[in-house]
Every structure is written in C-alpha cells, then in structure tokens.
C-alpha cells in the first residue's frame, strides 16, 4: 500500500513490489497472477486497515462519507475501484452494510441506490483534488450569469459537495 500511496497505480509493477518486499520478481508470480491481483489485494487491505471507516454506521450517508474519506486518503483506490469491481472481503462487507442500511430504510430498489451512491462517491473522490481550485477559477458572468452568482456564494469544499450529493440521492424523486 505504501508504494501505491507514494506513486499511484502506475508505480505498481512486479519488479517494484518485489524490490519493496525484498524478493525476486519471478517469485511473486508464483503467488500472485498479475498486477491486477496485487491491486485487488492492496485495495481490500487498505479498506480493512483503515480505522476511519465506520463499519457500525447506522445511516447509509454516514457510511458512504467515511468511504469517501478513505478514498481521499488513498487516491489510487478510487482509480482501482473505477476500473474493477472490488470483490475482496472488506469491500463485500462495505457493500453488504450499505445494502442492509438501505433495506432497513425501506428503499424500493436498494441495489440501484447502492450503486448510485457508490458511483457518486468514487467520482467525487476522483475529482476531489480539482475541488480545491474550484473557488479560485474565474467564471465569466456574461457567459454564465446564474452559475457565476451561485459559484460566488456556494461552499465548494469536497466534503460539503459529497454530503449534499448523498442527501440528494436519498431524496424522493419529484413527480
């Protein structure tokens, strides 16, 4: 995980991992089939070791917010989740807890809601670094007067955007 936290997904090669753990690269392939397998193992391990993930959350929004914070601490993880459906035990535990909470809330389609919330969190984590520059990016009032006005007064912090988005996803659809 340290290799990923330091250099991102591109830093993970059999040679780099072998060097980090002090073994020959060829010996890794007898235990791990591919770089994708290494990424899957690191992804699940990072989630399982993160004390910031609230596994006991009683609200799906709270659970997803702790996952957003996890992905923000490990930006490579959002990239990997965006490329591959994680199926490790910790990710299955996260998915199960989210679905349980949605069922308890009486959601009509808990799996679709879980996908929508998860996809929103992954996308938010992937773009959270851009949010920091959003406030300072100029908006031409002549081209976008409404957006410009809203942009000038809106809280554009990554967490506030995620909170608002998760709340919006849980609101009943307008008819």
C-alpha atoms as a PDB file:
ATOM      1  CA  UNK A   1       0.000   0.000   0.000  1.00  0.00           C
ATOM      2  CA  UNK A   2       2.861   2.382   0.708  1.00  0.00           C
ATOM      3  CA  UNK A   3       4.025   2.004  -2.884  1.00  0.00           C
ATOM      4  CA  UNK A   4       0.547   2.929  -4.114  1.00  0.00           C
ATOM      5  CA  UNK A   5       0.191   5.837  -1.688  1.00  0.00           C
ATOM      6  CA  UNK A   6       3.576   7.173  -2.809  1.00  0.00           C
ATOM      7  CA  UNK A   7       3.380   6.615  -6.560  1.00  0.00           C
ATOM      8  CA  UNK A   8      -0.164   5.688  -7.508  1.00  0.00           C
ATOM      9  CA  UNK A   9      -1.342   2.821  -9.688  1.00  0.00           C
ATOM     10  CA  UNK A  10       1.457   3.212 -12.240  1.00  0.00           C
ATOM     11  CA  UNK A  11       4.061   2.588  -9.540  1.00  0.00           C
ATOM     12  CA  UNK A  12       2.845  -0.982  -9.046  1.00  0.00           C
ATOM     13  CA  UNK A  13       4.890  -3.369 -11.100  1.00  0.00           C
ATOM     14  CA  UNK A  14       6.063  -6.840 -10.156  1.00  0.00           C
ATOM     15  CA  UNK A  15       9.621  -5.549 -10.033  1.00  0.00           C
ATOM     16  CA  UNK A  16       8.756  -2.579  -7.782  1.00  0.00           C
ATOM     17  CA  UNK A  17       6.692  -4.700  -5.394  1.00  0.00           C
ATOM     18  CA  UNK A  18       9.362  -7.416  -5.277  1.00  0.00           C
ATOM     19  CA  UNK A  19      12.032  -4.820  -4.549  1.00  0.00           C
ATOM     20  CA  UNK A  20       9.884  -3.286  -1.802  1.00  0.00           C
ATOM     21  CA  UNK A  21       9.364  -6.631  -0.047  1.00  0.00           C
ATOM     22  CA  UNK A  22      12.872  -7.936  -0.741  1.00  0.00           C
ATOM     23  CA  UNK A  23      12.173 -10.876  -3.046  1.00  0.00           C
ATOM     24  CA  UNK A  24      12.794 -11.724  -6.694  1.00  0.00           C
ATOM     25  CA  UNK A  25      10.098 -10.514  -9.102  1.00  0.00           C
ATOM     26  CA  UNK A  26       9.648 -14.018 -10.509  1.00  0.00           C
ATOM     27  CA  UNK A  27       8.779 -15.351  -7.062  1.00  0.00           C
ATOM     28  CA  UNK A  28       5.781 -13.006  -6.885  1.00  0.00           C
ATOM     29  CA  UNK A  29       4.162 -14.610  -9.902  1.00  0.00           C
ATOM     30  CA  UNK A  30       4.094 -17.990  -8.173  1.00  0.00           C
ATOM     31  CA  UNK A  31       1.797 -16.426  -5.562  1.00  0.00           C
ATOM     32  CA  UNK A  32       0.074 -13.594  -7.433  1.00  0.00           C
ATOM     33  CA  UNK A  33      -1.136 -13.973 -11.013  1.00  0.00           C
ATOM     34  CA  UNK A  34      -0.909 -10.379 -12.189  1.00  0.00           C
ATOM     35  CA  UNK A  35      -0.536  -6.736 -11.272  1.00  0.00           C
ATOM     36  CA  UNK A  36      -4.346  -6.566 -11.207  1.00  0.00           C
ATOM     37  CA  UNK A  37      -4.324  -9.212  -8.475  1.00  0.00           C
ATOM     38  CA  UNK A  38      -1.819  -7.136  -6.494  1.00  0.00           C
ATOM     39  CA  UNK A  39      -4.052  -4.079  -6.870  1.00  0.00           C
ATOM     40  CA  UNK A  40      -7.083  -6.056  -5.681  1.00  0.00           C
ATOM     41  CA  UNK A  41      -5.205  -7.271  -2.609  1.00  0.00           C
ATOM     42  CA  UNK A  42      -3.908  -3.790  -1.792  1.00  0.00           C
ATOM     43  CA  UNK A  43      -7.342  -2.253  -2.325  1.00  0.00           C
ATOM     44  CA  UNK A  44      -9.046  -4.622   0.077  1.00  0.00           C
ATOM     45  CA  UNK A  45      -6.224  -4.471   2.604  1.00  0.00           C
ATOM     46  CA  UNK A  46      -6.282  -0.658   2.662  1.00  0.00           C
ATOM     47  CA  UNK A  47     -10.023  -0.609   3.349  1.00  0.00           C
ATOM     48  CA  UNK A  48      -9.773  -3.264   6.061  1.00  0.00           C
ATOM     49  CA  UNK A  49      -6.928  -1.483   7.850  1.00  0.00           C
ATOM     50  CA  UNK A  50      -8.465   1.990   7.757  1.00  0.00           C
ATOM     51  CA  UNK A  51      -9.692   2.911  11.254  1.00  0.00           C
ATOM     52  CA  UNK A  52     -11.611   5.840   9.763  1.00  0.00           C
ATOM     53  CA  UNK A  53     -14.194   3.618   8.065  1.00  0.00           C
ATOM     54  CA  UNK A  54     -17.282   3.475  10.257  1.00  0.00           C
ATOM     55  CA  UNK A  55     -18.451  -0.115   9.864  1.00  0.00           C
ATOM     56  CA  UNK A  56     -21.114   0.460  12.530  1.00  0.00           C
ATOM     57  CA  UNK A  57     -22.679   3.451  10.765  1.00  0.00           C
ATOM     58  CA  UNK A  58     -26.439   3.479  11.184  1.00  0.00           C
ATOM     59  CA  UNK A  59     -27.055   5.672   8.151  1.00  0.00           C
ATOM     60  CA  UNK A  60     -26.053   4.941   4.539  1.00  0.00           C
ATOM     61  CA  UNK A  61     -24.925   8.546   4.004  1.00  0.00           C
ATOM     62  CA  UNK A  62     -22.590   8.341   7.008  1.00  0.00           C
ATOM     63  CA  UNK A  63     -21.144   5.044   5.764  1.00  0.00           C
ATOM     64  CA  UNK A  64     -20.549   6.470   2.290  1.00  0.00           C
ATOM     65  CA  UNK A  65     -18.976   9.627   3.742  1.00  0.00           C
ATOM     66  CA  UNK A  66     -16.433   7.545   5.670  1.00  0.00           C
ATOM     67  CA  UNK A  67     -15.697   5.628   2.459  1.00  0.00           C
ATOM     68  CA  UNK A  68     -15.223   8.940   0.616  1.00  0.00           C
ATOM     69  CA  UNK A  69     -12.678   9.968   3.264  1.00  0.00           C
ATOM     70  CA  UNK A  70     -10.924   6.607   2.849  1.00  0.00           C
ATOM     71  CA  UNK A  71     -10.722   7.066  -0.926  1.00  0.00           C
ATOM     72  CA  UNK A  72      -9.457  10.621  -0.435  1.00  0.00           C
ATOM     73  CA  UNK A  73      -6.660   9.330   1.818  1.00  0.00           C
ATOM     74  CA  UNK A  74      -5.765   6.720  -0.831  1.00  0.00           C
ATOM     75  CA  UNK A  75      -6.422   8.364  -4.244  1.00  0.00           C
ATOM     76  CA  UNK A  76      -5.185   5.292  -6.106  1.00  0.00           C
ATOM     77  CA  UNK A  77      -8.029   3.266  -4.536  1.00  0.00           C
ATOM     78  CA  UNK A  78     -10.696   5.315  -6.322  1.00  0.00           C
ATOM     79  CA  UNK A  79      -8.908   4.671  -9.612  1.00  0.00           C
ATOM     80  CA  UNK A  80      -8.796   0.918  -8.998  1.00  0.00           C
ATOM     81  CA  UNK A  81     -12.469   0.803  -7.940  1.00  0.00           C
ATOM     82  CA  UNK A  82     -13.326   2.723 -11.113  1.00  0.00           C
ATOM     83  CA  UNK A  83     -11.596   0.084 -13.223  1.00  0.00           C
ATOM     84  CA  UNK A  84     -12.580  -3.137 -11.470  1.00  0.00           C
ATOM     85  CA  UNK A  85     -15.473  -4.221  -9.291  1.00  0.00           C
ATOM     86  CA  UNK A  86     -13.849  -4.956  -5.928  1.00  0.00           C
ATOM     87  CA  UNK A  87     -14.786  -8.360  -4.528  1.00  0.00           C
ATOM     88  CA  UNK A  88     -12.430  -8.712  -1.571  1.00  0.00           C
ATOM     89  CA  UNK A  89     -13.900  -9.458   1.864  1.00  0.00           C
ATOM     90  CA  UNK A  90     -13.699  -5.873   3.145  1.00  0.00           C
ATOM     91  CA  UNK A  91     -15.327  -4.434   0.037  1.00  0.00           C
ATOM     92  CA  UNK A  92     -18.054  -7.062   0.205  1.00  0.00           C
ATOM     93  CA  UNK A  93     -18.559  -6.100   3.858  1.00  0.00           C
ATOM     94  CA  UNK A  94     -18.929  -2.446   2.813  1.00  0.00           C
ATOM     95  CA  UNK A  95     -21.416  -3.369   0.070  1.00  0.00           C
ATOM     96  CA  UNK A  96     -23.366  -5.614   2.415  1.00  0.00           C
ATOM     97  CA  UNK A  97     -23.587  -2.937   5.119  1.00  0.00           C
ATOM     98  CA  UNK A  98     -24.746  -0.322   2.627  1.00  0.00           C
ATOM     99  CA  UNK A  99     -27.439  -2.643   1.242  1.00  0.00           C
ATOM    100  CA  UNK A 100     -28.551  -3.597   4.774  1.00  0.00           C
ATOM    101  CA  UNK A 101     -28.950   0.061   5.729  1.00  0.00           C
ATOM    102  CA  UNK A 102     -30.899   0.844   2.574  1.00  0.00           C
ATOM    103  CA  UNK A 103     -33.213  -2.128   3.147  1.00  0.00           C
ATOM    104  CA  UNK A 104     -33.750  -1.001   6.759  1.00  0.00           C
ATOM    105  CA  UNK A 105     -34.697   2.457   5.472  1.00  0.00           C
ATOM    106  CA  UNK A 106     -37.286   0.855   3.195  1.00  0.00           C
ATOM    107  CA  UNK A 107     -35.597   1.760  -0.083  1.00  0.00           C
ATOM    108  CA  UNK A 108     -37.641   0.461  -3.040  1.00  0.00           C
ATOM    109  CA  UNK A 109     -34.540  -0.558  -5.001  1.00  0.00           C
ATOM    110  CA  UNK A 110     -31.627  -0.825  -2.566  1.00  0.00           C
ATOM    111  CA  UNK A 111     -29.145  -2.272  -5.042  1.00  0.00           C
ATOM    112  CA  UNK A 112     -29.645   0.518  -7.587  1.00  0.00           C
ATOM    113  CA  UNK A 113     -29.425   3.095  -4.804  1.00  0.00           C
ATOM    114  CA  UNK A 114     -26.243   1.448  -3.507  1.00  0.00           C
ATOM    115  CA  UNK A 115     -24.726   1.618  -6.993  1.00  0.00           C
ATOM    116  CA  UNK A 116     -25.746   5.260  -7.397  1.00  0.00           C
ATOM    117  CA  UNK A 117     -24.294   6.228  -4.022  1.00  0.00           C
ATOM    118  CA  UNK A 118     -21.095   4.234  -4.588  1.00  0.00           C
ATOM    119  CA  UNK A 119     -20.558   5.621  -8.085  1.00  0.00           C
ATOM    120  CA  UNK A 120     -21.134   9.153  -6.804  1.00  0.00           C
ATOM    121  CA  UNK A 121     -18.587   8.650  -4.010  1.00  0.00           C
ATOM    122  CA  UNK A 122     -15.973   7.180  -6.372  1.00  0.00           C
ATOM    123  CA  UNK A 123     -16.457  10.039  -8.842  1.00  0.00           C
ATOM    124  CA  UNK A 124     -16.294  12.588  -6.046  1.00  0.00           C
ATOM    125  CA  UNK A 125     -13.086  11.063  -4.707  1.00  0.00           C
ATOM    126  CA  UNK A 126     -11.535  11.060  -8.187  1.00  0.00           C
ATOM    127  CA  UNK A 127     -12.331  14.739  -8.689  1.00  0.00           C
ATOM    128  CA  UNK A 128     -11.814  15.982  -5.124  1.00  0.00           C
ATOM    129  CA  UNK A 129      -8.369  17.375  -5.909  1.00  0.00           C
ATOM    130  CA  UNK A 130      -9.954  19.633  -8.551  1.00  0.00           C
ATOM    131  CA  UNK A 131     -12.438  20.971  -5.998  1.00  0.00           C
ATOM    132  CA  UNK A 132      -9.653  22.811  -4.207  1.00  0.00           C
ATOM    133  CA  UNK A 133      -9.112  25.055  -7.239  1.00  0.00           C
ATOM    134  CA  UNK A 134     -12.801  25.490  -7.997  1.00  0.00           C
ATOM    135  CA  UNK A 135     -13.268  28.548  -5.786  1.00  0.00           C
ATOM    136  CA  UNK A 136     -10.385  30.431  -7.404  1.00  0.00           C
ATOM    137  CA  UNK A 137     -11.275  29.552 -11.008  1.00  0.00           C
ATOM    138  CA  UNK A 138     -12.901  32.601 -12.602  1.00  0.00           C
ATOM    139  CA  UNK A 139     -16.390  32.334 -14.078  1.00  0.00           C
ATOM    140  CA  UNK A 140     -17.308  34.716 -16.905  1.00  0.00           C
ATOM    141  CA  UNK A 141     -20.527  36.450 -15.786  1.00  0.00           C
ATOM    142  CA  UNK A 142     -21.537  37.272 -19.350  1.00  0.00           C
ATOM    143  CA  UNK A 143     -21.418  33.615 -20.418  1.00  0.00           C
ATOM    144  CA  UNK A 144     -22.858  32.069 -17.259  1.00  0.00           C
ATOM    145  CA  UNK A 145     -24.614  34.645 -15.071  1.00  0.00           C
ATOM    146  CA  UNK A 146     -26.546  32.176 -12.909  1.00  0.00           C
ATOM    147  CA  UNK A 147     -23.593  29.845 -12.439  1.00  0.00           C
ATOM    148  CA  UNK A 148     -21.354  32.815 -11.663  1.00  0.00           C
ATOM    149  CA  UNK A 149     -23.736  34.100  -8.991  1.00  0.00           C
ATOM    150  CA  UNK A 150     -24.134  30.680  -7.384  1.00  0.00           C
ATOM    151  CA  UNK A 151     -20.421  29.951  -7.636  1.00  0.00           C
ATOM    152  CA  UNK A 152     -19.575  33.111  -5.720  1.00  0.00           C
ATOM    153  CA  UNK A 153     -21.580  32.104  -2.627  1.00  0.00           C
ATOM    154  CA  UNK A 154     -21.636  28.297  -2.627  1.00  0.00           C
ATOM    155  CA  UNK A 155     -19.456  26.166  -0.357  1.00  0.00           C
ATOM    156  CA  UNK A 156     -17.312  24.240  -2.807  1.00  0.00           C
ATOM    157  CA  UNK A 157     -15.454  22.106  -0.261  1.00  0.00           C
ATOM    158  CA  UNK A 158     -15.188  18.452  -1.273  1.00  0.00           C
ATOM    159  CA  UNK A 159     -16.908  17.127   1.850  1.00  0.00           C
ATOM    160  CA  UNK A 160     -19.816  19.564   1.636  1.00  0.00           C
ATOM    161  CA  UNK A 161     -20.344  18.617  -2.010  1.00  0.00           C
ATOM    162  CA  UNK A 162     -20.349  14.911  -1.126  1.00  0.00           C
ATOM    163  CA  UNK A 163     -22.761  15.457   1.771  1.00  0.00           C
ATOM    164  CA  UNK A 164     -25.134  17.423  -0.477  1.00  0.00           C
ATOM    165  CA  UNK A 165     -24.905  14.840  -3.253  1.00  0.00           C
ATOM    166  CA  UNK A 166     -25.573  11.898  -0.942  1.00  0.00           C
ATOM    167  CA  UNK A 167     -28.556  13.734   0.542  1.00  0.00           C
ATOM    168  CA  UNK A 168     -29.881  14.475  -2.957  1.00  0.00           C
ATOM    169  CA  UNK A 169     -29.572  10.821  -3.950  1.00  0.00           C
ATOM    170  CA  UNK A 170     -31.708   9.830  -0.964  1.00  0.00           C
ATOM    171  CA  UNK A 171     -34.499  12.347  -1.608  1.00  0.00           C
ATOM    172  CA  UNK A 172     -37.688  11.009  -3.158  1.00  0.00           C
ATOM    173  CA  UNK A 173     -37.865  11.656  -6.883  1.00  0.00           C
ATOM    174  CA  UNK A 174     -40.045  14.585  -7.923  1.00  0.00           C
ATOM    175  CA  UNK A 175     -43.160  13.546  -9.793  1.00  0.00           C
END
